[in-house]
Amino acid sequence: MKRLAALICLLCLATTASAAWDVNQLMNDLAQKTGGRARFVEKQYLAVLDKPLVSSGELSYTAPNRLEKRTLSPKPELITLDDDTLYVERGGKKFSLRLSSRPEAVAFVDSIRGTLTGNRKLLEASYALILTGTQANWTLRLLPSDSEIAVLLRSIDIRGVRDRVTSVEYQLADGDRTVMTITPVETSP
């Protein structure tokens, strides 16, 4: 009888703990990260191609506003987001773009920046948020709430484990999609 009572208590505690986990808790968990490094593999599925385009490389993030995507294969490319400016280095050429001049670009960037910084308000400025799963294995679906963004983008699914993003999938309005799988690089203390 005591074992049954203990089991019931444990189940009640587990249910309460999982019920308390929601978008706010996810955002709080994500906001604790100040940065990190990871490897990525990105697959672009385009209707005009039989096979996906595959690229790979490294990502780095420094809270709150610096992201870097260094593609190593198949061709070197460096994309850096620093505050409101996007810098691109490709094929020996460099160019930059102020995001404030391109609202649709801001929405794409804010989907990642808002997630990495745990900024729910930033995400909700352009998206409806739907969280499924558990703290140990979650998916945050972002659905565009702005008609100008919805013309380009159907949804973004961000998957993760606890306070770590493990993949990002963009479903474009034209049916194409991009899936990026992210594996953290452990740094020694």
C-alpha atoms as a PDB file:
ATOM      1  CA  MET A   1       0.000   0.000   0.000  1.00  0.00           C
ATOM      2  CA  LYS A   2       2.856   2.380   0.844  1.00  0.00           C
ATOM      3  CA  ARG A   3       4.450   1.635  -2.527  1.00  0.00           C
ATOM      4  CA  LEU A   4       1.208   2.442  -4.312  1.00  0.00           C
ATOM      5  CA  ALA A   5       0.902   5.748  -2.440  1.00  0.00           C
ATOM      6  CA  ALA A   6       4.533   6.601  -3.264  1.00  0.00           C
ATOM      7  CA  LEU A   7       3.938   5.753  -6.933  1.00  0.00           C
ATOM      8  CA  ILE A   8       0.841   7.952  -7.043  1.00  0.00           C
ATOM      9  CA  CYS A   9       2.807  10.820  -5.457  1.00  0.00           C
ATOM     10  CA  LEU A  10       5.585  10.427  -8.041  1.00  0.00           C
ATOM     11  CA  LEU A  11       3.059  10.415 -10.892  1.00  0.00           C
ATOM     12  CA  CYS A  12       1.402  13.543  -9.505  1.00  0.00           C
ATOM     13  CA  LEU A  13       4.769  15.311  -9.259  1.00  0.00           C
ATOM     14  CA  ALA A  14       5.718  14.268 -12.791  1.00  0.00           C
ATOM     15  CA  THR A  15       2.381  15.468 -14.170  1.00  0.00           C
ATOM     16  CA  THR A  16       2.679  18.790 -12.355  1.00  0.00           C
ATOM     17  CA  ALA A  17       6.250  19.292 -13.581  1.00  0.00           C
ATOM     18  CA  SER A  18       5.378  18.540 -17.207  1.00  0.00           C
ATOM     19  CA  ALA A  19       2.195  20.639 -17.046  1.00  0.00           C
ATOM     20  CA  ALA A  20       4.239  23.627 -15.874  1.00  0.00           C
ATOM     21  CA  TRP A  21       6.468  23.414 -18.946  1.00  0.00           C
ATOM     22  CA  ASP A  22       5.149  25.742 -21.642  1.00  0.00           C
ATOM     23  CA  VAL A  23       6.310  28.439 -24.077  1.00  0.00           C
ATOM     24  CA  ASN A  24       7.280  30.737 -21.201  1.00  0.00           C
ATOM     25  CA  GLN A  25       9.450  28.054 -19.604  1.00  0.00           C
ATOM     26  CA  LEU A  26      11.034  27.199 -22.969  1.00  0.00           C
ATOM     27  CA  MET A  27      11.835  30.878 -23.532  1.00  0.00           C
ATOM     28  CA  ASN A  28      13.309  31.110 -20.005  1.00  0.00           C
ATOM     29  CA  ASP A  29      15.450  28.020 -20.656  1.00  0.00           C
ATOM     30  CA  LEU A  30      16.695  29.363 -23.996  1.00  0.00           C
ATOM     31  CA  ALA A  31      17.411  32.825 -22.574  1.00  0.00           C
ATOM     32  CA  GLN A  32      19.965  31.333 -20.161  1.00  0.00           C
ATOM     33  CA  LYS A  33      22.363  30.553 -23.028  1.00  0.00           C
ATOM     34  CA  THR A  34      24.862  33.301 -23.788  1.00  0.00           C
ATOM     35  CA  GLY A  35      26.309  31.683 -26.872  1.00  0.00           C
ATOM     36  CA  GLY A  36      27.763  28.580 -28.378  1.00  0.00           C
ATOM     37  CA  ARG A  37      29.257  26.817 -31.345  1.00  0.00           C
ATOM     38  CA  ALA A  38      27.811  24.033 -33.454  1.00  0.00           C
ATOM     39  CA  ARG A  39      28.211  22.105 -36.660  1.00  0.00           C
ATOM     40  CA  PHE A  40      25.395  22.065 -39.180  1.00  0.00           C
ATOM     41  CA  VAL A  41      24.189  20.091 -42.152  1.00  0.00           C
ATOM     42  CA  GLU A  42      21.634  21.902 -44.279  1.00  0.00           C
ATOM     43  CA  LYS A  43      19.465  20.263 -46.922  1.00  0.00           C
ATOM     44  CA  GLN A  44      17.447  22.349 -49.354  1.00  0.00           C
ATOM     45  CA  TYR A  45      14.605  20.490 -51.040  1.00  0.00           C
ATOM     46  CA  LEU A  46      13.678  22.391 -54.201  1.00  0.00           C
ATOM     47  CA  ALA A  47      10.888  21.362 -56.578  1.00  0.00           C
ATOM     48  CA  VAL A  48      13.146  21.934 -59.595  1.00  0.00           C
ATOM     49  CA  LEU A  49      15.772  19.414 -58.380  1.00  0.00           C
ATOM     50  CA  ASP A  50      15.680  15.633 -58.005  1.00  0.00           C
ATOM     51  CA  LYS A  51      18.015  15.614 -54.991  1.00  0.00           C
ATOM     52  CA  PRO A  52      18.430  18.083 -52.150  1.00  0.00           C
ATOM     53  CA  LEU A  53      21.251  20.606 -52.147  1.00  0.00           C
ATOM     54  CA  VAL A  54      23.454  19.731 -49.170  1.00  0.00           C
ATOM     55  CA  SER A  55      25.841  22.061 -47.401  1.00  0.00           C
ATOM     56  CA  SER A  56      27.679  21.843 -44.103  1.00  0.00           C
ATOM     57  CA  GLY A  57      29.800  23.936 -41.827  1.00  0.00           C
ATOM     58  CA  GLU A  58      29.878  25.706 -38.494  1.00  0.00           C
ATOM     59  CA  LEU A  59      27.583  28.034 -36.591  1.00  0.00           C
ATOM     60  CA  SER A  60      28.399  30.385 -33.748  1.00  0.00           C
ATOM     61  CA  TYR A  61      26.164  32.541 -31.614  1.00  0.00           C
ATOM     62  CA  THR A  62      26.969  35.300 -29.148  1.00  0.00           C
ATOM     63  CA  ALA A  63      23.957  36.681 -27.302  1.00  0.00           C
ATOM     64  CA  PRO A  64      22.038  38.692 -28.043  1.00  0.00           C
ATOM     65  CA  ASN A  65      22.690  39.822 -31.622  1.00  0.00           C
ATOM     66  CA  ARG A  66      25.595  38.051 -33.307  1.00  0.00           C
ATOM     67  CA  LEU A  67      25.132  34.942 -35.443  1.00  0.00           C
ATOM     68  CA  GLU A  68      27.651  33.439 -37.815  1.00  0.00           C
ATOM     69  CA  LYS A  69      27.143  30.708 -40.394  1.00  0.00           C
ATOM     70  CA  ARG A  70      30.377  29.469 -41.963  1.00  0.00           C
ATOM     71  CA  THR A  71      29.672  27.078 -44.835  1.00  0.00           C
ATOM     72  CA  LEU A  72      32.667  24.847 -45.553  1.00  0.00           C
ATOM     73  CA  SER A  73      31.148  22.459 -48.113  1.00  0.00           C
ATOM     74  CA  PRO A  74      30.402  22.413 -51.000  1.00  0.00           C
ATOM     75  CA  LYS A  75      31.717  26.015 -51.373  1.00  0.00           C
ATOM     76  CA  PRO A  76      33.068  28.329 -48.688  1.00  0.00           C
ATOM     77  CA  GLU A  77      30.729  31.103 -47.602  1.00  0.00           C
ATOM     78  CA  LEU A  78      30.499  33.258 -44.496  1.00  0.00           C
ATOM     79  CA  ILE A  79      27.245  34.895 -43.400  1.00  0.00           C
ATOM     80  CA  THR A  80      27.408  37.082 -40.313  1.00  0.00           C
ATOM     81  CA  LEU A  81      24.499  38.814 -38.651  1.00  0.00           C
ATOM     82  CA  ASP A  82      25.593  41.598 -36.333  1.00  0.00           C
ATOM     83  CA  ASP A  83      22.710  43.606 -34.870  1.00  0.00           C
ATOM     84  CA  ASP A  84      20.857  45.041 -37.901  1.00  0.00           C
ATOM     85  CA  THR A  85      23.458  44.225 -40.566  1.00  0.00           C
ATOM     86  CA  LEU A  86      23.904  41.042 -42.562  1.00  0.00           C
ATOM     87  CA  TYR A  87      27.393  40.507 -44.031  1.00  0.00           C
ATOM     88  CA  VAL A  88      28.061  37.926 -46.750  1.00  0.00           C
ATOM     89  CA  GLU A  89      31.435  36.738 -48.062  1.00  0.00           C
ATOM     90  CA  ARG A  90      31.260  34.408 -51.052  1.00  0.00           C
ATOM     91  CA  GLY A  91      33.594  33.706 -53.959  1.00  0.00           C
ATOM     92  CA  GLY A  92      36.044  36.422 -52.930  1.00  0.00           C
ATOM     93  CA  LYS A  93      33.305  39.060 -52.849  1.00  0.00           C
ATOM     94  CA  LYS A  94      31.783  40.818 -49.847  1.00  0.00           C
ATOM     95  CA  PHE A  95      28.521  42.644 -49.453  1.00  0.00           C
ATOM     96  CA  SER A  96      26.262  43.803 -46.654  1.00  0.00           C
ATOM     97  CA  LEU A  97      22.573  44.493 -46.161  1.00  0.00           C
ATOM     98  CA  ARG A  98      20.780  46.553 -43.532  1.00  0.00           C
ATOM     99  CA  LEU A  99      17.903  44.351 -42.362  1.00  0.00           C
ATOM    100  CA  SER A 100      15.710  47.325 -41.503  1.00  0.00           C
ATOM    101  CA  SER A 101      15.434  47.952 -45.261  1.00  0.00           C
ATOM    102  CA  ARG A 102      13.961  44.444 -45.813  1.00  0.00           C
ATOM    103  CA  PRO A 103      11.070  43.619 -43.421  1.00  0.00           C
ATOM    104  CA  GLU A 104      10.680  40.071 -44.771  1.00  0.00           C
ATOM    105  CA  ALA A 105      14.352  39.397 -44.015  1.00  0.00           C
ATOM    106  CA  VAL A 106      13.876  40.746 -40.485  1.00  0.00           C
ATOM    107  CA  ALA A 107      11.095  38.209 -39.871  1.00  0.00           C
ATOM    108  CA  PHE A 108      13.342  35.304 -40.949  1.00  0.00           C
ATOM    109  CA  VAL A 109      16.230  36.526 -38.803  1.00  0.00           C
ATOM    110  CA  ASP A 110      13.976  37.232 -35.833  1.00  0.00           C
ATOM    111  CA  SER A 111      12.678  33.651 -35.926  1.00  0.00           C
ATOM    112  CA  ILE A 112      16.179  32.436 -35.058  1.00  0.00           C
ATOM    113  CA  ARG A 113      17.311  35.389 -32.967  1.00  0.00           C
ATOM    114  CA  GLY A 114      14.080  35.365 -30.950  1.00  0.00           C
ATOM    115  CA  THR A 115      14.398  31.639 -30.302  1.00  0.00           C
ATOM    116  CA  LEU A 116      18.081  31.740 -29.335  1.00  0.00           C
ATOM    117  CA  THR A 117      17.543  34.680 -26.975  1.00  0.00           C
ATOM    118  CA  GLY A 118      14.293  33.303 -25.574  1.00  0.00           C
ATOM    119  CA  ASN A 119      12.469  36.470 -26.635  1.00  0.00           C
ATOM    120  CA  ARG A 120       8.810  35.507 -26.912  1.00  0.00           C
ATOM    121  CA  LYS A 121       7.714  39.077 -27.625  1.00  0.00           C
ATOM    122  CA  LEU A 122      10.065  39.291 -30.622  1.00  0.00           C
ATOM    123  CA  LEU A 123       8.748  35.980 -31.997  1.00  0.00           C
ATOM    124  CA  GLU A 124       5.109  36.956 -31.477  1.00  0.00           C
ATOM    125  CA  ALA A 125       5.630  40.192 -33.431  1.00  0.00           C
ATOM    126  CA  SER A 126       5.616  38.096 -36.635  1.00  0.00           C
ATOM    127  CA  TYR A 127       4.451  34.597 -35.685  1.00  0.00           C
ATOM    128  CA  ALA A 128       1.865  32.564 -33.820  1.00  0.00           C
ATOM    129  CA  LEU A 129       3.709  30.079 -31.558  1.00  0.00           C
ATOM    130  CA  ILE A 130       2.688  26.435 -31.117  1.00  0.00           C
ATOM    131  CA  LEU A 131       4.754  24.327 -28.718  1.00  0.00           C
ATOM    132  CA  THR A 132       4.481  20.534 -28.669  1.00  0.00           C
ATOM    133  CA  GLY A 133       6.451  17.796 -26.939  1.00  0.00           C
ATOM    134  CA  THR A 134       8.243  17.828 -23.628  1.00  0.00           C
ATOM    135  CA  GLN A 135      11.177  19.734 -22.214  1.00  0.00           C
ATOM    136  CA  ALA A 136      13.402  16.813 -23.217  1.00  0.00           C
ATOM    137  CA  ASN A 137      12.169  16.788 -26.847  1.00  0.00           C
ATOM    138  CA  TRP A 138      10.191  19.787 -28.089  1.00  0.00           C
ATOM    139  CA  THR A 139       9.044  21.426 -31.318  1.00  0.00           C
ATOM    140  CA  LEU A 140       8.216  25.106 -31.557  1.00  0.00           C
ATOM    141  CA  ARG A 141       6.188  25.822 -34.695  1.00  0.00           C
ATOM    142  CA  LEU A 142       6.137  29.409 -35.913  1.00  0.00           C
ATOM    143  CA  LEU A 143       3.230  30.349 -38.178  1.00  0.00           C
ATOM    144  CA  PRO A 144       3.433  33.749 -39.900  1.00  0.00           C
ATOM    145  CA  SER A 145       0.869  36.203 -38.562  1.00  0.00           C
ATOM    146  CA  ASP A 146       1.764  38.857 -41.140  1.00  0.00           C
ATOM    147  CA  SER A 147       0.303  38.401 -44.637  1.00  0.00           C
ATOM    148  CA  GLU A 148       3.496  39.723 -46.300  1.00  0.00           C
ATOM    149  CA  ILE A 149       5.538  37.010 -44.584  1.00  0.00           C
ATOM    150  CA  ALA A 150       2.890  34.323 -45.257  1.00  0.00           C
ATOM    151  CA  VAL A 151       3.286  34.945 -49.003  1.00  0.00           C
ATOM    152  CA  LEU A 152       6.864  33.647 -48.669  1.00  0.00           C
ATOM    153  CA  LEU A 153       6.749  31.281 -45.719  1.00  0.00           C
ATOM    154  CA  ARG A 154       4.294  28.598 -44.591  1.00  0.00           C
ATOM    155  CA  SER A 155       5.940  27.677 -41.262  1.00  0.00           C
ATOM    156  CA  ILE A 156       9.151  27.251 -39.302  1.00  0.00           C
ATOM    157  CA  ASP A 157       9.629  24.221 -37.064  1.00  0.00           C
ATOM    158  CA  ILE A 158      12.369  24.627 -34.484  1.00  0.00           C
ATOM    159  CA  ARG A 159      13.198  21.422 -32.617  1.00  0.00           C
ATOM    160  CA  GLY A 160      15.244  21.047 -29.512  1.00  0.00           C
ATOM    161  CA  VAL A 161      16.260  19.281 -26.354  1.00  0.00           C
ATOM    162  CA  ARG A 162      15.976  21.291 -23.148  1.00  0.00           C
ATOM    163  CA  ASP A 163      17.763  24.615 -23.788  1.00  0.00           C
ATOM    164  CA  ARG A 164      19.362  23.539 -27.081  1.00  0.00           C
ATOM    165  CA  VAL A 165      18.101  23.901 -30.656  1.00  0.00           C
ATOM    166  CA  THR A 166      18.763  20.715 -32.659  1.00  0.00           C
ATOM    167  CA  SER A 167      17.129  21.547 -36.002  1.00  0.00           C
ATOM    168  CA  VAL A 168      15.332  24.260 -37.924  1.00  0.00           C
ATOM    169  CA  GLU A 169      12.984  23.536 -40.817  1.00  0.00           C
ATOM    170  CA  TYR A 170      11.617  26.239 -43.094  1.00  0.00           C
ATOM    171  CA  GLN A 171       8.515  25.336 -45.134  1.00  0.00           C
ATOM    172  CA  LEU A 172       8.246  27.921 -47.902  1.00  0.00           C
ATOM    173  CA  ALA A 173       4.922  28.948 -49.395  1.00  0.00           C
ATOM    174  CA  ASP A 174       5.921  27.566 -52.815  1.00  0.00           C
ATOM    175  CA  GLY A 175       6.436  24.059 -51.366  1.00  0.00           C
ATOM    176  CA  ASP A 176      10.236  24.148 -51.139  1.00  0.00           C
ATOM    177  CA  ARG A 177      11.801  23.511 -47.749  1.00  0.00           C
ATOM    178  CA  THR A 178      15.118  23.728 -45.956  1.00  0.00           C
ATOM    179  CA  VAL A 179      16.163  21.542 -43.020  1.00  0.00           C
ATOM    180  CA  MET A 180      19.207  22.381 -40.906  1.00  0.00           C
ATOM    181  CA  THR A 181      20.427  19.808 -38.384  1.00  0.00           C
ATOM    182  CA  ILE A 182      22.552  21.298 -35.603  1.00  0.00           C
ATOM    183  CA  THR A 183      25.097  19.465 -33.437  1.00  0.00           C
ATOM    184  CA  PRO A 184      26.777  21.395 -30.618  1.00  0.00           C
ATOM    185  CA  VAL A 185      30.547  21.642 -30.397  1.00  0.00           C
ATOM    186  CA  GLU A 186      31.592  21.111 -26.798  1.00  0.00           C
ATOM    187  CA  THR A 187      34.109  23.622 -25.544  1.00  0.00           C
ATOM    188  CA  SER A 188      36.530  22.738 -22.793  1.00  0.00           C
ATOM    189  CA  PRO A 189      36.413  24.866 -19.620  1.00  0.00           C
END
